[in-house]
Amino acid sequence: MLSKYFNFNNASIVKDDFISFEEPLKNQVNFLYEDMFHVAYENLNIIFDIGWYGDADNLDGKFILHLIKNEDWDNPMVKLSTKDLSTLKFYIKTTIDYISTL
């Protein structure tokens, strides 16, 4: 659960099935899928979304973090991708910091 690691101030957590940062990714392949995490900042009309895109069984894919304004998925405010959990953790922190400036 990402809400265990980060404070999503003023957001409504819609879905938080995120994996563990402590466990190796290869041990969590059964929990990698597109709709892992979804938070709504309703006052800003922003969605913060993270999912795994690609083949989870072979770890042939990546996490994609989206920050969406006004439901415009074709033109995300932020779109970051990585396979690395440490990098993803950094991206999440940076995105939360960015949201706090809006």
N, C-alpha and C. Protein backbone atom coordinates (compact mmCIF):
# COMPACT_ATOMS: atom_id res chain seq x y z
N MET A 1 0.84 -1.19 0.00
CA MET A 1 0.00 0.00 0.00
C MET A 1 0.88 1.25 0.00
N LEU A 2 0.66 2.09 -0.99
CA LEU A 2 1.45 3.32 -1.07
C LEU A 2 1.12 4.28 0.06
N SER A 3 -0.12 4.24 0.54
CA SER A 3 -0.50 5.13 1.63
C SER A 3 0.27 4.81 2.91
N LYS A 4 0.92 3.67 2.95
CA LYS A 4 1.79 3.30 4.07
C LYS A 4 3.12 4.06 4.00
N TYR A 5 3.53 4.42 2.79
CA TYR A 5 4.83 5.06 2.57
C TYR A 5 4.75 6.57 2.37
N PHE A 6 3.61 7.04 1.85
CA PHE A 6 3.49 8.44 1.46
C PHE A 6 2.21 9.05 2.00
N ASN A 7 2.23 10.37 2.18
CA ASN A 7 1.06 11.11 2.62
C ASN A 7 0.45 11.80 1.40
N PHE A 8 -0.71 11.38 1.01
CA PHE A 8 -1.42 11.96 -0.12
C PHE A 8 -2.43 12.97 0.43
N ASN A 9 -1.92 14.12 0.83
CA ASN A 9 -2.74 15.16 1.45
C ASN A 9 -3.92 15.55 0.58
N ASN A 10 -5.06 15.68 1.21
CA ASN A 10 -6.28 16.16 0.54
C ASN A 10 -6.71 15.31 -0.65
N ALA A 11 -6.32 14.06 -0.67
CA ALA A 11 -6.70 13.18 -1.78
C ALA A 11 -7.61 12.07 -1.28
N SER A 12 -8.45 11.60 -2.17
CA SER A 12 -9.29 10.44 -1.89
C SER A 12 -8.64 9.22 -2.52
N ILE A 13 -8.32 8.23 -1.71
CA ILE A 13 -7.70 7.02 -2.22
C ILE A 13 -8.80 6.13 -2.79
N VAL A 14 -8.77 5.93 -4.09
CA VAL A 14 -9.76 5.12 -4.79
C VAL A 14 -9.32 3.66 -4.79
N LYS A 15 -8.03 3.43 -5.04
CA LYS A 15 -7.50 2.07 -5.06
C LYS A 15 -6.04 2.11 -4.63
N ASP A 16 -5.68 1.24 -3.71
CA ASP A 16 -4.30 1.18 -3.23
C ASP A 16 -3.90 -0.28 -3.02
N ASP A 17 -3.65 -0.96 -4.12
CA ASP A 17 -3.20 -2.36 -4.09
C ASP A 17 -1.72 -2.45 -4.41
N PHE A 18 -0.99 -1.39 -4.09
CA PHE A 18 0.40 -1.35 -4.49
C PHE A 18 1.24 -2.35 -3.72
N ILE A 19 2.29 -2.80 -4.36
CA ILE A 19 3.20 -3.80 -3.80
C ILE A 19 4.11 -3.19 -2.74
N SER A 20 5.04 -3.97 -2.26
CA SER A 20 5.98 -3.54 -1.24
C SER A 20 7.27 -3.04 -1.87
N PHE A 21 7.83 -1.97 -1.30
CA PHE A 21 9.14 -1.50 -1.74
C PHE A 21 10.26 -2.35 -1.14
N GLU A 22 9.97 -3.07 -0.08
CA GLU A 22 10.99 -3.87 0.60
C GLU A 22 11.24 -5.23 -0.07
N GLU A 23 10.24 -5.75 -0.71
CA GLU A 23 10.31 -7.08 -1.32
C GLU A 23 10.83 -6.96 -2.76
N PRO A 24 11.73 -7.85 -3.19
CA PRO A 24 12.19 -7.81 -4.58
C PRO A 24 11.02 -7.95 -5.56
N LEU A 25 11.10 -7.22 -6.64
CA LEU A 25 10.04 -7.22 -7.65
C LEU A 25 9.75 -8.62 -8.17
N LYS A 26 10.79 -9.43 -8.33
CA LYS A 26 10.61 -10.79 -8.86
C LYS A 26 9.75 -11.66 -7.95
N ASN A 27 9.62 -11.28 -6.68
CA ASN A 27 8.78 -12.02 -5.74
C ASN A 27 7.34 -11.51 -5.70
N GLN A 28 7.04 -10.49 -6.51
CA GLN A 28 5.72 -9.86 -6.46
C GLN A 28 5.02 -9.86 -7.82
N VAL A 29 5.45 -10.71 -8.73
CA VAL A 29 4.90 -10.69 -10.10
C VAL A 29 3.40 -10.92 -10.14
N ASN A 30 2.86 -11.66 -9.20
CA ASN A 30 1.41 -11.93 -9.20
C ASN A 30 0.58 -10.70 -8.83
N PHE A 31 1.25 -9.65 -8.39
CA PHE A 31 0.54 -8.45 -7.96
C PHE A 31 0.78 -7.26 -8.88
N LEU A 32 1.39 -7.50 -10.03
CA LEU A 32 1.67 -6.43 -10.99
C LEU A 32 0.58 -6.40 -12.05
N TYR A 33 -0.14 -5.29 -12.14
CA TYR A 33 -1.19 -5.11 -13.14
C TYR A 33 -1.42 -3.62 -13.35
N GLU A 34 -2.23 -3.28 -14.32
CA GLU A 34 -2.39 -1.88 -14.72
C GLU A 34 -3.01 -0.98 -13.66
N ASP A 35 -4.01 -1.42 -12.98
CA ASP A 35 -4.74 -0.55 -12.06
C ASP A 35 -4.37 -0.83 -10.61
N MET A 36 -3.13 -0.56 -10.26
CA MET A 36 -2.64 -0.86 -8.92
C MET A 36 -2.94 0.26 -7.92
N PHE A 37 -2.90 1.50 -8.40
CA PHE A 37 -3.02 2.64 -7.50
C PHE A 37 -3.73 3.78 -8.21
N HIS A 38 -4.69 4.38 -7.51
CA HIS A 38 -5.48 5.47 -8.09
C HIS A 38 -5.93 6.39 -6.96
N VAL A 39 -5.53 7.65 -7.05
CA VAL A 39 -5.89 8.65 -6.05
C VAL A 39 -6.50 9.85 -6.77
N ALA A 40 -7.54 10.44 -6.18
CA ALA A 40 -8.18 11.61 -6.78
C ALA A 40 -7.99 12.83 -5.88
N TYR A 41 -7.44 13.87 -6.46
CA TYR A 41 -7.38 15.18 -5.82
C TYR A 41 -8.56 15.96 -6.37
N GLU A 42 -9.70 15.78 -5.74
CA GLU A 42 -10.95 16.31 -6.28
C GLU A 42 -10.96 17.83 -6.34
N ASN A 43 -10.32 18.49 -5.37
CA ASN A 43 -10.30 19.95 -5.37
C ASN A 43 -9.49 20.51 -6.54
N LEU A 44 -8.57 19.72 -7.09
CA LEU A 44 -7.75 20.13 -8.22
C LEU A 44 -8.18 19.47 -9.53
N ASN A 45 -9.13 18.56 -9.44
CA ASN A 45 -9.57 17.75 -10.59
C ASN A 45 -8.40 17.00 -11.22
N ILE A 46 -7.59 16.38 -10.33
CA ILE A 46 -6.39 15.66 -10.75
C ILE A 46 -6.47 14.21 -10.27
N ILE A 47 -6.03 13.31 -11.13
CA ILE A 47 -5.91 11.89 -10.80
C ILE A 47 -4.44 11.52 -10.81
N PHE A 48 -4.03 10.79 -9.78
CA PHE A 48 -2.67 10.27 -9.66
C PHE A 48 -2.81 8.76 -9.79
N ASP A 49 -2.22 8.18 -10.83
CA ASP A 49 -2.44 6.78 -11.17
C ASP A 49 -1.11 6.08 -11.42
N ILE A 50 -0.97 4.86 -10.89
CA ILE A 50 0.23 4.05 -11.14
C ILE A 50 -0.21 2.64 -11.48
N GLY A 51 0.42 2.08 -12.51
CA GLY A 51 0.15 0.70 -12.88
C GLY A 51 1.37 0.06 -13.52
N TRP A 52 1.30 -1.25 -13.65
CA TRP A 52 2.34 -2.02 -14.33
C TRP A 52 1.83 -2.32 -15.73
N TYR A 53 2.63 -2.02 -16.74
CA TYR A 53 2.25 -2.24 -18.13
C TYR A 53 3.27 -3.18 -18.76
N GLY A 54 2.79 -4.30 -19.24
CA GLY A 54 3.65 -5.31 -19.85
C GLY A 54 3.45 -6.66 -19.20
N ASP A 55 4.31 -7.59 -19.54
CA ASP A 55 4.24 -8.97 -19.04
C ASP A 55 4.82 -9.03 -17.64
N ALA A 56 3.98 -9.28 -16.67
CA ALA A 56 4.44 -9.35 -15.28
C ALA A 56 5.22 -10.63 -15.00
N ASP A 57 4.81 -11.73 -15.57
CA ASP A 57 5.45 -13.02 -15.28
C ASP A 57 6.95 -13.00 -15.58
N ASN A 58 7.34 -12.35 -16.65
CA ASN A 58 8.75 -12.29 -17.04
C ASN A 58 9.39 -10.95 -16.68
N LEU A 59 8.65 -10.13 -15.95
CA LEU A 59 9.09 -8.77 -15.62
C LEU A 59 9.48 -7.97 -16.86
N ASP A 60 8.77 -8.27 -17.95
CA ASP A 60 9.00 -7.56 -19.21
C ASP A 60 7.96 -6.46 -19.31
N GLY A 61 8.18 -5.41 -18.59
CA GLY A 61 7.26 -4.29 -18.55
C GLY A 61 7.83 -3.21 -17.68
N LYS A 62 6.95 -2.29 -17.27
CA LYS A 62 7.40 -1.18 -16.44
C LYS A 62 6.22 -0.56 -15.71
N PHE A 63 6.55 0.16 -14.65
CA PHE A 63 5.56 0.97 -13.96
C PHE A 63 5.39 2.25 -14.75
N ILE A 64 4.15 2.69 -14.87
CA ILE A 64 3.89 4.00 -15.46
C ILE A 64 3.07 4.81 -14.46
N LEU A 65 3.57 5.98 -14.15
CA LEU A 65 2.90 6.93 -13.26
C LEU A 65 2.28 8.01 -14.13
N HIS A 66 0.99 8.24 -13.94
CA HIS A 66 0.27 9.28 -14.67
C HIS A 66 -0.27 10.30 -13.67
N LEU A 67 -0.20 11.55 -14.05
CA LEU A 67 -0.91 12.62 -13.35
C LEU A 67 -1.82 13.24 -14.40
N ILE A 68 -3.13 13.13 -14.17
CA ILE A 68 -4.13 13.47 -15.17
C ILE A 68 -4.98 14.63 -14.67
N LYS A 69 -5.16 15.64 -15.50
CA LYS A 69 -6.01 16.78 -15.17
C LYS A 69 -7.27 16.72 -16.02
N ASN A 70 -8.41 16.94 -15.40
CA ASN A 70 -9.71 17.01 -16.09
C ASN A 70 -10.00 15.76 -16.92
N GLU A 71 -9.61 14.59 -16.43
CA GLU A 71 -9.88 13.31 -17.10
C GLU A 71 -9.26 13.21 -18.50
N ASP A 72 -8.27 14.04 -18.81
CA ASP A 72 -7.65 14.06 -20.14
C ASP A 72 -6.47 13.09 -20.18
N TRP A 73 -6.76 11.81 -20.33
CA TRP A 73 -5.74 10.76 -20.35
C TRP A 73 -4.85 10.84 -21.58
N ASP A 74 -5.32 11.51 -22.64
CA ASP A 74 -4.51 11.64 -23.85
C ASP A 74 -3.38 12.66 -23.70
N ASN A 75 -3.52 13.55 -22.73
CA ASN A 75 -2.53 14.61 -22.50
C ASN A 75 -2.19 14.70 -21.01
N PRO A 76 -1.48 13.73 -20.48
CA PRO A 76 -1.18 13.75 -19.04
C PRO A 76 -0.29 14.94 -18.66
N MET A 77 -0.51 15.45 -17.46
CA MET A 77 0.36 16.50 -16.92
C MET A 77 1.75 15.93 -16.68
N VAL A 78 1.78 14.70 -16.20
CA VAL A 78 3.03 13.99 -15.91
C VAL A 78 2.86 12.55 -16.37
N LYS A 79 3.88 12.02 -17.01
CA LYS A 79 3.92 10.60 -17.35
C LYS A 79 5.37 10.14 -17.19
N LEU A 80 5.60 9.28 -16.21
CA LEU A 80 6.94 8.78 -15.91
C LEU A 80 6.91 7.26 -15.90
N SER A 81 7.98 6.65 -16.34
CA SER A 81 8.01 5.19 -16.35
C SER A 81 9.37 4.67 -15.87
N THR A 82 9.32 3.51 -15.24
CA THR A 82 10.52 2.84 -14.75
C THR A 82 10.19 1.41 -14.40
N LYS A 83 11.20 0.59 -14.37
CA LYS A 83 11.07 -0.78 -13.88
C LYS A 83 11.62 -0.88 -12.45
N ASP A 84 12.38 0.12 -12.04
CA ASP A 84 13.10 0.12 -10.78
C ASP A 84 12.25 0.69 -9.64
N LEU A 85 12.14 -0.05 -8.54
CA LEU A 85 11.32 0.40 -7.40
C LEU A 85 11.88 1.65 -6.74
N SER A 86 13.20 1.77 -6.64
CA SER A 86 13.80 2.97 -6.03
C SER A 86 13.50 4.21 -6.86
N THR A 87 13.60 4.07 -8.16
CA THR A 87 13.28 5.19 -9.04
C THR A 87 11.81 5.54 -8.95
N LEU A 88 10.95 4.53 -8.89
CA LEU A 88 9.52 4.78 -8.76
C LEU A 88 9.22 5.53 -7.46
N LYS A 89 9.86 5.14 -6.40
CA LYS A 89 9.68 5.81 -5.10
C LYS A 89 10.05 7.30 -5.24
N PHE A 90 11.15 7.58 -5.91
CA PHE A 90 11.57 8.97 -6.16
C PHE A 90 10.53 9.70 -7.01
N TYR A 91 10.03 9.07 -8.06
CA TYR A 91 9.01 9.68 -8.92
C TYR A 91 7.74 10.02 -8.13
N ILE A 92 7.34 9.11 -7.26
CA ILE A 92 6.13 9.35 -6.45
C ILE A 92 6.33 10.55 -5.55
N LYS A 93 7.45 10.59 -4.85
CA LYS A 93 7.76 11.71 -3.94
C LYS A 93 7.80 13.02 -4.72
N THR A 94 8.46 13.03 -5.85
CA THR A 94 8.56 14.23 -6.68
C THR A 94 7.19 14.68 -7.17
N THR A 95 6.35 13.74 -7.55
CA THR A 95 5.00 14.07 -8.03
C THR A 95 4.14 14.62 -6.91
N ILE A 96 4.23 14.04 -5.73
CA ILE A 96 3.49 14.57 -4.57
C ILE A 96 3.94 16.00 -4.28
N ASP A 97 5.25 16.23 -4.32
CA ASP A 97 5.77 17.58 -4.09
C ASP A 97 5.24 18.55 -5.15
N TYR A 98 5.18 18.10 -6.40
CA TYR A 98 4.67 18.94 -7.48
C TYR A 98 3.19 19.28 -7.24
N ILE A 99 2.41 18.30 -6.87
CA ILE A 99 0.98 18.53 -6.62
C ILE A 99 0.79 19.56 -5.51
N SER A 100 1.66 19.54 -4.52
CA SER A 100 1.52 20.48 -3.40
C SER A 100 1.76 21.93 -3.83
N THR A 101 2.35 22.14 -5.00
CA THR A 101 2.58 23.51 -5.49
C THR A 101 1.39 24.03 -6.30
N LEU A 102 0.45 23.17 -6.63
CA LEU A 102 -0.68 23.58 -7.48
C LEU A 102 -1.76 24.28 -6.68
